[in-house]
Amino acid sequence: MDTTLAGLVRDKPVVIFSRSSCCMSHTVKSLILSYGANPTVYELDQMQNRNQIERALVQLGRREVVPTVFIGQKYIGGANELMSHQVRGTLVPLLREARAIWV
């Protein structure tokens, strides 16, 4: 199994990097699930290579490492960016384009 950031995101419609105790991560997961998508969730606090993954996320420009969302293998950002897509009405099209939802 490829445990690099690229490998963890590859071929998955929606990926969320989270921490099990993070309330914003829970909010992001709930929003994605509410559309019927089934995200792949990586709980960094439960991963052996979490330091490697966190460094890779920081290199993307993340100050706060979690939550971090990828849709269709594209880096979306964190909770603020995801909520902005929701408000602008662009979240559902992103999920459809990634084939995370069909409706």
PDB file of N, CA and C in Angstrom:
ATOM      1  N   MET A   1       0.841  -1.190   0.000  1.00  0.00           N
ATOM      2  CA  MET A   1       0.000   0.000   0.000  1.00  0.00           C
ATOM      3  C   MET A   1       0.883   1.249   0.000  1.00  0.00           C
ATOM      4  N   ASP A   2       0.557   2.187  -0.874  1.00  0.00           N
ATOM      5  CA  ASP A   2       1.279   3.450  -0.969  1.00  0.00           C
ATOM      6  C   ASP A   2       0.786   4.369   0.145  1.00  0.00           C
ATOM      7  N   THR A   3       1.648   4.677   1.101  1.00  0.00           N
ATOM      8  CA  THR A   3       1.234   5.495   2.249  1.00  0.00           C
ATOM      9  C   THR A   3       1.657   6.949   2.118  1.00  0.00           C
ATOM     10  N   THR A   4       2.070   7.370   0.902  1.00  0.00           N
ATOM     11  CA  THR A   4       2.339   8.788   0.673  1.00  0.00           C
ATOM     12  C   THR A   4       1.004   9.516   0.544  1.00  0.00           C
ATOM     13  N   LEU A   5       1.043  10.818   0.633  1.00  0.00           N
ATOM     14  CA  LEU A   5      -0.178  11.606   0.481  1.00  0.00           C
ATOM     15  C   LEU A   5      -0.837  11.316  -0.861  1.00  0.00           C
ATOM     16  N   ALA A   6      -0.050  11.330  -1.925  1.00  0.00           N
ATOM     17  CA  ALA A   6      -0.600  11.060  -3.262  1.00  0.00           C
ATOM     18  C   ALA A   6      -1.212   9.665  -3.330  1.00  0.00           C
ATOM     19  N   GLY A   7      -0.558   8.699  -2.726  1.00  0.00           N
ATOM     20  CA  GLY A   7      -1.068   7.331  -2.734  1.00  0.00           C
ATOM     21  C   GLY A   7      -2.362   7.185  -1.949  1.00  0.00           C
ATOM     22  N   LEU A   8      -2.487   7.920  -0.850  1.00  0.00           N
ATOM     23  CA  LEU A   8      -3.697   7.828  -0.034  1.00  0.00           C
ATOM     24  C   LEU A   8      -4.902   8.477  -0.708  1.00  0.00           C
ATOM     25  N   VAL A   9      -4.638   9.442  -1.578  1.00  0.00           N
ATOM     26  CA  VAL A   9      -5.716  10.178  -2.259  1.00  0.00           C
ATOM     27  C   VAL A   9      -6.092   9.529  -3.592  1.00  0.00           C
ATOM     28  N   ARG A  10      -5.148   8.834  -4.204  1.00  0.00           N
ATOM     29  CA  ARG A  10      -5.331   8.273  -5.541  1.00  0.00           C
ATOM     30  C   ARG A  10      -6.575   7.389  -5.631  1.00  0.00           C
ATOM     31  N   ASP A  11      -7.309   7.576  -6.714  1.00  0.00           N
ATOM     32  CA  ASP A  11      -8.465   6.734  -7.072  1.00  0.00           C
ATOM     33  C   ASP A  11      -9.604   6.774  -6.058  1.00  0.00           C
ATOM     34  N   LYS A  12      -9.655   7.796  -5.230  1.00  0.00           N
ATOM     35  CA  LYS A  12     -10.741   7.909  -4.251  1.00  0.00           C
ATOM     36  C   LYS A  12     -11.508   9.200  -4.528  1.00  0.00           C
ATOM     37  N   PRO A  13     -12.834   9.131  -4.628  1.00  0.00           N
ATOM     38  CA  PRO A  13     -13.621  10.327  -4.945  1.00  0.00           C
ATOM     39  C   PRO A  13     -13.506  11.428  -3.889  1.00  0.00           C
ATOM     40  N   VAL A  14     -13.569  11.051  -2.610  1.00  0.00           N
ATOM     41  CA  VAL A  14     -13.478  12.039  -1.534  1.00  0.00           C
ATOM     42  C   VAL A  14     -12.581  11.479  -0.438  1.00  0.00           C
ATOM     43  N   VAL A  15     -11.606  12.289  -0.040  1.00  0.00           N
ATOM     44  CA  VAL A  15     -10.701  11.914   1.047  1.00  0.00           C
ATOM     45  C   VAL A  15     -10.692  13.047   2.065  1.00  0.00           C
ATOM     46  N   ILE A  16     -10.816  12.675   3.326  1.00  0.00           N
ATOM     47  CA  ILE A  16     -10.752  13.642   4.415  1.00  0.00           C
ATOM     48  C   ILE A  16      -9.656  13.201   5.376  1.00  0.00           C
ATOM     49  N   PHE A  17      -8.723  14.106   5.640  1.00  0.00           N
ATOM     50  CA  PHE A  17      -7.734  13.880   6.688  1.00  0.00           C
ATOM     51  C   PHE A  17      -8.267  14.557   7.933  1.00  0.00           C
ATOM     52  N   SER A  18      -8.329  13.798   9.017  1.00  0.00           N
ATOM     53  CA  SER A  18      -9.060  14.203  10.203  1.00  0.00           C
ATOM     54  C   SER A  18      -8.274  13.822  11.455  1.00  0.00           C
ATOM     55  N   ARG A  19      -8.759  14.265  12.572  1.00  0.00           N
ATOM     56  CA  ARG A  19      -8.357  13.726  13.874  1.00  0.00           C
ATOM     57  C   ARG A  19      -9.652  13.341  14.571  1.00  0.00           C
ATOM     58  N   SER A  20      -9.640  12.221  15.228  1.00  0.00           N
ATOM     59  CA  SER A  20     -10.875  11.698  15.810  1.00  0.00           C
ATOM     60  C   SER A  20     -11.493  12.636  16.845  1.00  0.00           C
ATOM     61  N   SER A  21     -10.702  13.514  17.455  1.00  0.00           N
ATOM     62  CA  SER A  21     -11.229  14.413  18.485  1.00  0.00           C
ATOM     63  C   SER A  21     -11.528  15.816  17.970  1.00  0.00           C
ATOM     64  N   CYS A  22     -11.402  16.054  16.670  1.00  0.00           N
ATOM     65  CA  CYS A  22     -11.569  17.400  16.102  1.00  0.00           C
ATOM     66  C   CYS A  22     -13.022  17.649  15.703  1.00  0.00           C
ATOM     67  N   CYS A  23     -13.631  18.662  16.313  1.00  0.00           N
ATOM     68  CA  CYS A  23     -15.040  18.946  16.030  1.00  0.00           C
ATOM     69  C   CYS A  23     -15.245  19.456  14.602  1.00  0.00           C
ATOM     70  N   MET A  24     -14.285  20.204  14.052  1.00  0.00           N
ATOM     71  CA  MET A  24     -14.435  20.680  12.672  1.00  0.00           C
ATOM     72  C   MET A  24     -14.308  19.519  11.682  1.00  0.00           C
ATOM     73  N   SER A  25     -13.467  18.547  12.010  1.00  0.00           N
ATOM     74  CA  SER A  25     -13.381  17.349  11.171  1.00  0.00           C
ATOM     75  C   SER A  25     -14.717  16.618  11.167  1.00  0.00           C
ATOM     76  N   HIS A  26     -15.346  16.528  12.323  1.00  0.00           N
ATOM     77  CA  HIS A  26     -16.656  15.878  12.428  1.00  0.00           C
ATOM     78  C   HIS A  26     -17.677  16.624  11.566  1.00  0.00           C
ATOM     79  N   THR A  27     -17.642  17.947  11.606  1.00  0.00           N
ATOM     80  CA  THR A  27     -18.571  18.759  10.818  1.00  0.00           C
ATOM     81  C   THR A  27     -18.376  18.525   9.324  1.00  0.00           C
ATOM     82  N   VAL A  28     -17.125  18.488   8.881  1.00  0.00           N
ATOM     83  CA  VAL A  28     -16.816  18.264   7.469  1.00  0.00           C
ATOM     84  C   VAL A  28     -17.283  16.875   7.040  1.00  0.00           C
ATOM     85  N   LYS A  29     -17.003  15.870   7.857  1.00  0.00           N
ATOM     86  CA  LYS A  29     -17.445  14.503   7.530  1.00  0.00           C
ATOM     87  C   LYS A  29     -18.969  14.443   7.441  1.00  0.00           C
ATOM     88  N   SER A  30     -19.651  15.086   8.385  1.00  0.00           N
ATOM     89  CA  SER A  30     -21.123  15.082   8.393  1.00  0.00           C
ATOM     90  C   SER A  30     -21.684  15.743   7.146  1.00  0.00           C
ATOM     91  N   LEU A  31     -21.092  16.854   6.729  1.00  0.00           N
ATOM     92  CA  LEU A  31     -21.568  17.553   5.528  1.00  0.00           C
ATOM     93  C   LEU A  31     -21.422  16.660   4.300  1.00  0.00           C
ATOM     94  N   ILE A  32     -20.271  16.073   4.119  1.00  0.00           N
ATOM     95  CA  ILE A  32     -20.044  15.198   2.955  1.00  0.00           C
ATOM     96  C   ILE A  32     -20.995  14.005   2.990  1.00  0.00           C
ATOM     97  N   LEU A  33     -21.147  13.394   4.155  1.00  0.00           N
ATOM     98  CA  LEU A  33     -22.058  12.249   4.295  1.00  0.00           C
ATOM     99  C   LEU A  33     -23.506  12.639   4.024  1.00  0.00           C
ATOM    100  N   SER A  34     -23.888  13.868   4.344  1.00  0.00           N
ATOM    101  CA  SER A  34     -25.279  14.300   4.161  1.00  0.00           C
ATOM    102  C   SER A  34     -25.689  14.294   2.694  1.00  0.00           C
ATOM    103  N   TYR A  35     -24.727  14.343   1.793  1.00  0.00           N
ATOM    104  CA  TYR A  35     -25.021  14.275   0.357  1.00  0.00           C
ATOM    105  C   TYR A  35     -25.030  12.845  -0.166  1.00  0.00           C
ATOM    106  N   GLY A  36     -24.758  11.894   0.690  1.00  0.00           N
ATOM    107  CA  GLY A  36     -24.749  10.499   0.274  1.00  0.00           C
ATOM    108  C   GLY A  36     -23.399  10.015  -0.203  1.00  0.00           C
ATOM    109  N   ALA A  37     -22.386  10.854  -0.092  1.00  0.00           N
ATOM    110  CA  ALA A  37     -21.032  10.435  -0.467  1.00  0.00           C
ATOM    111  C   ALA A  37     -20.452   9.572   0.642  1.00  0.00           C
ATOM    112  N   ASN A  38     -19.531   8.730   0.270  1.00  0.00           N
ATOM    113  CA  ASN A  38     -18.872   7.847   1.229  1.00  0.00           C
ATOM    114  C   ASN A  38     -17.379   8.174   1.229  1.00  0.00           C
ATOM    115  N   PRO A  39     -16.975   9.178   2.021  1.00  0.00           N
ATOM    116  CA  PRO A  39     -15.576   9.590   1.970  1.00  0.00           C
ATOM    117  C   PRO A  39     -14.642   8.568   2.591  1.00  0.00           C
ATOM    118  N   THR A  40     -13.426   8.545   2.089  1.00  0.00           N
ATOM    119  CA  THR A  40     -12.355   7.814   2.755  1.00  0.00           C
ATOM    120  C   THR A  40     -11.805   8.761   3.804  1.00  0.00           C
ATOM    121  N   VAL A  41     -11.818   8.326   5.050  1.00  0.00           N
ATOM    122  CA  VAL A  41     -11.380   9.186   6.152  1.00  0.00           C
ATOM    123  C   VAL A  41     -10.121   8.593   6.772  1.00  0.00           C
ATOM    124  N   TYR A  42      -9.101   9.412   6.855  1.00  0.00           N
ATOM    125  CA  TYR A  42      -7.866   9.026   7.525  1.00  0.00           C
ATOM    126  C   TYR A  42      -7.769   9.812   8.827  1.00  0.00           C
ATOM    127  N   GLU A  43      -7.849   9.110   9.935  1.00  0.00           N
ATOM    128  CA  GLU A  43      -7.716   9.732  11.254  1.00  0.00           C
ATOM    129  C   GLU A  43      -6.227   9.790  11.575  1.00  0.00           C
ATOM    130  N   LEU A  44      -5.636  10.968  11.446  1.00  0.00           N
ATOM    131  CA  LEU A  44      -4.191  11.106  11.597  1.00  0.00           C
ATOM    132  C   LEU A  44      -3.703  10.655  12.963  1.00  0.00           C
ATOM    133  N   ASP A  45      -4.514  10.854  13.991  1.00  0.00           N
ATOM    134  CA  ASP A  45      -4.086  10.455  15.340  1.00  0.00           C
ATOM    135  C   ASP A  45      -4.022   8.937  15.498  1.00  0.00           C
ATOM    136  N   GLN A  46      -4.494   8.197  14.504  1.00  0.00           N
ATOM    137  CA  GLN A  46      -4.468   6.739  14.566  1.00  0.00           C
ATOM    138  C   GLN A  46      -3.546   6.130  13.498  1.00  0.00           C
ATOM    139  N   MET A  47      -2.769   6.987  12.818  1.00  0.00           N
ATOM    140  CA  MET A  47      -1.898   6.513  11.743  1.00  0.00           C
ATOM    141  C   MET A  47      -0.445   6.503  12.198  1.00  0.00           C
ATOM    142  N   GLN A  48       0.259   5.452  11.841  1.00  0.00           N
ATOM    143  CA  GLN A  48       1.672   5.359  12.209  1.00  0.00           C
ATOM    144  C   GLN A  48       2.525   6.386  11.481  1.00  0.00           C
ATOM    145  N   ASN A  49       2.179   6.713  10.253  1.00  0.00           N
ATOM    146  CA  ASN A  49       2.968   7.661   9.464  1.00  0.00           C
ATOM    147  C   ASN A  49       2.378   9.072   9.503  1.00  0.00           C
ATOM    148  N   ARG A  50       1.699   9.407  10.590  1.00  0.00           N
ATOM    149  CA  ARG A  50       1.017  10.704  10.679  1.00  0.00           C
ATOM    150  C   ARG A  50       1.963  11.886  10.495  1.00  0.00           C
ATOM    151  N   ASN A  51       3.184  11.800  11.004  1.00  0.00           N
ATOM    152  CA  ASN A  51       4.118  12.928  10.857  1.00  0.00           C
ATOM    153  C   ASN A  51       4.445  13.183   9.394  1.00  0.00           C
ATOM    154  N   GLN A  52       4.640  12.123   8.635  1.00  0.00           N
ATOM    155  CA  GLN A  52       4.917  12.247   7.201  1.00  0.00           C
ATOM    156  C   GLN A  52       3.727  12.890   6.486  1.00  0.00           C
ATOM    157  N   ILE A  53       2.530  12.431   6.796  1.00  0.00           N
ATOM    158  CA  ILE A  53       1.322  12.967   6.154  1.00  0.00           C
ATOM    159  C   ILE A  53       1.107  14.422   6.559  1.00  0.00           C
ATOM    160  N   GLU A  54       1.289  14.734   7.844  1.00  0.00           N
ATOM    161  CA  GLU A  54       1.114  16.113   8.300  1.00  0.00           C
ATOM    162  C   GLU A  54       2.101  17.050   7.600  1.00  0.00           C
ATOM    163  N   ARG A  55       3.346  16.626   7.434  1.00  0.00           N
ATOM    164  CA  ARG A  55       4.330  17.450   6.720  1.00  0.00           C
ATOM    165  C   ARG A  55       3.882  17.696   5.275  1.00  0.00           C
ATOM    166  N   ALA A  56       3.355  16.668   4.638  1.00  0.00           N
ATOM    167  CA  ALA A  56       2.879  16.812   3.257  1.00  0.00           C
ATOM    168  C   ALA A  56       1.700  17.770   3.184  1.00  0.00           C
ATOM    169  N   LEU A  57       0.816  17.727   4.162  1.00  0.00           N
ATOM    170  CA  LEU A  57      -0.329  18.645   4.185  1.00  0.00           C
ATOM    171  C   LEU A  57       0.119  20.081   4.427  1.00  0.00           C
ATOM    172  N   VAL A  58       1.098  20.268   5.284  1.00  0.00           N
ATOM    173  CA  VAL A  58       1.650  21.611   5.530  1.00  0.00           C
ATOM    174  C   VAL A  58       2.266  22.167   4.252  1.00  0.00           C
ATOM    175  N   GLN A  59       2.910  21.320   3.464  1.00  0.00           N
ATOM    176  CA  GLN A  59       3.508  21.757   2.202  1.00  0.00           C
ATOM    177  C   GLN A  59       2.457  22.239   1.203  1.00  0.00           C
ATOM    178  N   LEU A  60       1.212  21.801   1.383  1.00  0.00           N
ATOM    179  CA  LEU A  60       0.123  22.294   0.536  1.00  0.00           C
ATOM    180  C   LEU A  60      -0.308  23.699   0.936  1.00  0.00           C
ATOM    181  N   GLY A  61       0.192  24.163   2.072  1.00  0.00           N
ATOM    182  CA  GLY A  61      -0.172  25.492   2.542  1.00  0.00           C
ATOM    183  C   GLY A  61      -1.124  25.482   3.722  1.00  0.00           C
ATOM    184  N   ARG A  62      -1.356  24.314   4.295  1.00  0.00           N
ATOM    185  CA  ARG A  62      -2.282  24.208   5.426  1.00  0.00           C
ATOM    186  C   ARG A  62      -1.597  24.665   6.706  1.00  0.00           C
ATOM    187  N   ARG A  63      -2.199  25.604   7.418  1.00  0.00           N
ATOM    188  CA  ARG A  63      -1.711  25.963   8.759  1.00  0.00           C
ATOM    189  C   ARG A  63      -2.261  24.964   9.762  1.00  0.00           C
ATOM    190  N   GLU A  64      -3.559  24.760   9.682  1.00  0.00           N
ATOM    191  CA  GLU A  64      -4.217  23.738  10.499  1.00  0.00           C
ATOM    192  C   GLU A  64      -4.303  22.496   9.627  1.00  0.00           C
ATOM    193  N   VAL A  65      -3.721  21.413  10.088  1.00  0.00           N
ATOM    194  CA  VAL A  65      -3.609  20.220   9.251  1.00  0.00           C
ATOM    195  C   VAL A  65      -4.958  19.536   9.050  1.00  0.00           C
ATOM    196  N   VAL A  66      -5.819  19.579  10.046  1.00  0.00           N
ATOM    197  CA  VAL A  66      -7.126  18.931   9.914  1.00  0.00           C
ATOM    198  C   VAL A  66      -8.244  19.928  10.160  1.00  0.00           C
ATOM    199  N   PRO A  67      -9.365  19.734   9.516  1.00  0.00           N
ATOM    200  CA  PRO A  67      -9.590  18.775   8.442  1.00  0.00           C
ATOM    201  C   PRO A  67      -8.988  19.275   7.125  1.00  0.00           C
ATOM    202  N   THR A  68      -8.581  18.335   6.308  1.00  0.00           N
ATOM    203  CA  THR A  68      -8.138  18.629   4.948  1.00  0.00           C
ATOM    204  C   THR A  68      -8.928  17.727   4.010  1.00  0.00           C
ATOM    205  N   VAL A  69      -9.472  18.330   2.962  1.00  0.00           N
ATOM    206  CA  VAL A  69     -10.382  17.624   2.065  1.00  0.00           C
ATOM    207  C   VAL A  69      -9.831  17.602   0.642  1.00  0.00           C
ATOM    208  N   PHE A  70      -9.925  16.436   0.020  1.00  0.00           N
ATOM    209  CA  PHE A  70      -9.643  16.261  -1.401  1.00  0.00           C
ATOM    210  C   PHE A  70     -10.918  15.720  -2.045  1.00  0.00           C
ATOM    211  N   ILE A  71     -11.309  16.307  -3.156  1.00  0.00           N
ATOM    212  CA  ILE A  71     -12.457  15.806  -3.921  1.00  0.00           C
ATOM    213  C   ILE A  71     -11.973  15.580  -5.344  1.00  0.00           C
ATOM    214  N   GLY A  72     -12.145  14.358  -5.826  1.00  0.00           N
ATOM    215  CA  GLY A  72     -11.665  14.016  -7.165  1.00  0.00           C
ATOM    216  C   GLY A  72     -10.167  14.173  -7.282  1.00  0.00           C
ATOM    217  N   GLN A  73      -9.451  13.816  -6.234  1.00  0.00           N
ATOM    218  CA  GLN A  73      -7.997  13.913  -6.145  1.00  0.00           C
ATOM    219  C   GLN A  73      -7.496  15.352  -6.179  1.00  0.00           C
ATOM    220  N   LYS A  74      -8.392  16.332  -6.097  1.00  0.00           N
ATOM    221  CA  LYS A  74      -8.003  17.739  -6.084  1.00  0.00           C
ATOM    222  C   LYS A  74      -8.062  18.256  -4.649  1.00  0.00           C
ATOM    223  N   TYR A  75      -7.042  18.981  -4.272  1.00  0.00           N
ATOM    224  CA  TYR A  75      -6.973  19.587  -2.956  1.00  0.00           C
ATOM    225  C   TYR A  75      -8.010  20.700  -2.868  1.00  0.00           C
ATOM    226  N   ILE A  76      -8.955  20.564  -1.936  1.00  0.00           N
ATOM    227  CA  ILE A  76     -10.004  21.566  -1.741  1.00  0.00           C
ATOM    228  C   ILE A  76      -9.612  22.539  -0.639  1.00  0.00           C
ATOM    229  N   GLY A  77      -9.077  22.016   0.453  1.00  0.00           N
ATOM    230  CA  GLY A  77      -8.700  22.852   1.590  1.00  0.00           C
ATOM    231  C   GLY A  77      -9.281  22.284   2.867  1.00  0.00           C
ATOM    232  N   GLY A  78      -9.599  23.174   3.776  1.00  0.00           N
ATOM    233  CA  GLY A  78     -10.140  22.769   5.063  1.00  0.00           C
ATOM    234  C   GLY A  78     -11.627  23.079   5.179  1.00  0.00           C
ATOM    235  N   ALA A  79     -12.077  23.222   6.414  1.00  0.00           N
ATOM    236  CA  ALA A  79     -13.494  23.448   6.681  1.00  0.00           C
ATOM    237  C   ALA A  79     -13.983  24.746   6.036  1.00  0.00           C
ATOM    238  N   ASN A  80     -13.208  25.823   6.135  1.00  0.00           N
ATOM    239  CA  ASN A  80     -13.643  27.107   5.567  1.00  0.00           C
ATOM    240  C   ASN A  80     -13.849  27.010   4.064  1.00  0.00           C
ATOM    241  N   GLU A  81     -12.905  26.390   3.377  1.00  0.00           N
ATOM    242  CA  GLU A  81     -13.012  26.269   1.922  1.00  0.00           C
ATOM    243  C   GLU A  81     -14.189  25.376   1.530  1.00  0.00           C
ATOM    244  N   LEU A  82     -14.377  24.293   2.279  1.00  0.00           N
ATOM    245  CA  LEU A  82     -15.494  23.394   1.976  1.00  0.00           C
ATOM    246  C   LEU A  82     -16.825  24.109   2.203  1.00  0.00           C
ATOM    247  N   MET A  83     -16.937  24.859   3.291  1.00  0.00           N
ATOM    248  CA  MET A  83     -18.174  25.597   3.576  1.00  0.00           C
ATOM    249  C   MET A  83     -18.410  26.682   2.518  1.00  0.00           C
ATOM    250  N   SER A  84     -17.342  27.285   2.016  1.00  0.00           N
ATOM    251  CA  SER A  84     -17.487  28.275   0.940  1.00  0.00           C
ATOM    252  C   SER A  84     -18.066  27.624  -0.306  1.00  0.00           C
ATOM    253  N   HIS A  85     -17.598  26.435  -0.634  1.00  0.00           N
ATOM    254  CA  HIS A  85     -18.180  25.703  -1.773  1.00  0.00           C
ATOM    255  C   HIS A  85     -19.655  25.410  -1.521  1.00  0.00           C
ATOM    256  N   GLN A  86     -19.983  25.053  -0.295  1.00  0.00           N
ATOM    257  CA  GLN A  86     -21.373  24.761   0.056  1.00  0.00           C
ATOM    258  C   GLN A  86     -22.244  26.004  -0.155  1.00  0.00           C
ATOM    259  N   VAL A  87     -21.798  27.136   0.347  1.00  0.00           N
ATOM    260  CA  VAL A  87     -22.563  28.388   0.258  1.00  0.00           C
ATOM    261  C   VAL A  87     -22.698  28.849  -1.192  1.00  0.00           C
ATOM    262  N   ARG A  88     -21.644  28.702  -1.977  1.00  0.00           N
ATOM    263  CA  ARG A  88     -21.673  29.129  -3.378  1.00  0.00           C
ATOM    264  C   ARG A  88     -22.413  28.154  -4.291  1.00  0.00           C
ATOM    265  N   GLY A  89     -22.773  26.984  -3.759  1.00  0.00           N
ATOM    266  CA  GLY A  89     -23.470  25.998  -4.575  1.00  0.00           C
ATOM    267  C   GLY A  89     -22.560  25.189  -5.475  1.00  0.00           C
ATOM    268  N   THR A  90     -21.266  25.178  -5.174  1.00  0.00           N
ATOM    269  CA  THR A  90     -20.323  24.441  -6.023  1.00  0.00           C
ATOM    270  C   THR A  90     -19.897  23.101  -5.434  1.00  0.00           C
ATOM    271  N   LEU A  91     -20.345  22.795  -4.221  1.00  0.00           N
ATOM    272  CA  LEU A  91     -19.947  21.528  -3.605  1.00  0.00           C
ATOM    273  C   LEU A  91     -20.566  20.334  -4.308  1.00  0.00           C
ATOM    274  N   VAL A  92     -21.853  20.387  -4.562  1.00  0.00           N
ATOM    275  CA  VAL A  92     -22.523  19.258  -5.224  1.00  0.00           C
ATOM    276  C   VAL A  92     -21.928  18.991  -6.605  1.00  0.00           C
ATOM    277  N   PRO A  93     -21.705  20.024  -7.433  1.00  0.00           N
ATOM    278  CA  PRO A  93     -21.059  19.745  -8.722  1.00  0.00           C
ATOM    279  C   PRO A  93     -19.674  19.102  -8.569  1.00  0.00           C
ATOM    280  N   LEU A  94     -18.904  19.530  -7.571  1.00  0.00           N
ATOM    281  CA  LEU A  94     -17.602  18.903  -7.332  1.00  0.00           C
ATOM    282  C   LEU A  94     -17.760  17.426  -6.987  1.00  0.00           C
ATOM    283  N   LEU A  95     -18.724  17.121  -6.132  1.00  0.00           N
ATOM    284  CA  LEU A  95     -18.961  15.734  -5.732  1.00  0.00           C
ATOM    285  C   LEU A  95     -19.444  14.895  -6.913  1.00  0.00           C
ATOM    286  N   ARG A  96     -20.290  15.487  -7.745  1.00  0.00           N
ATOM    287  CA  ARG A  96     -20.761  14.772  -8.949  1.00  0.00           C
ATOM    288  C   ARG A  96     -19.614  14.505  -9.915  1.00  0.00           C
ATOM    289  N   GLU A  97     -18.811  15.535 -10.166  1.00  0.00           N
ATOM    290  CA  GLU A  97     -17.695  15.403 -11.103  1.00  0.00           C
ATOM    291  C   GLU A  97     -16.711  14.313 -10.640  1.00  0.00           C
ATOM    292  N   ALA A  98     -16.556  14.185  -9.335  1.00  0.00           N
ATOM    293  CA  ALA A  98     -15.657  13.173  -8.780  1.00  0.00           C
ATOM    294  C   ALA A  98     -16.327  11.801  -8.720  1.00  0.00           C
ATOM    295  N   ARG A  99     -17.594  11.740  -9.087  1.00  0.00           N
ATOM    296  CA  ARG A  99     -18.387  10.508  -9.018  1.00  0.00           C
ATOM    297  C   ARG A  99     -18.545   9.989  -7.586  1.00  0.00           C
ATOM    298  N   ALA A 100     -18.589  10.960  -6.660  1.00  0.00           N
ATOM    299  CA  ALA A 100     -18.845  10.615  -5.255  1.00  0.00           C
ATOM    300  C   ALA A 100     -20.335  10.501  -5.003  1.00  0.00           C
ATOM    301  N   ILE A 101     -21.117  11.230  -5.819  1.00  0.00           N
ATOM    302  CA  ILE A 101     -22.584  11.133  -5.763  1.00  0.00           C
ATOM    303  C   ILE A 101     -23.097  11.125  -7.199  1.00  0.00           C
ATOM    304  N   TRP A 102     -24.320  10.659  -7.372  1.00  0.00           N
ATOM    305  CA  TRP A 102     -24.890  10.556  -8.718  1.00  0.00           C
ATOM    306  C   TRP A 102     -26.129  11.400  -8.884  1.00  0.00           C
ATOM    307  N   VAL A 103     -26.691  11.895  -7.831  1.00  0.00           N
ATOM    308  CA  VAL A 103     -27.955  12.646  -7.908  1.00  0.00           C
ATOM    309  C   VAL A 103     -27.696  14.123  -7.967  1.00  0.00           C
TER     310      VAL A 103
END
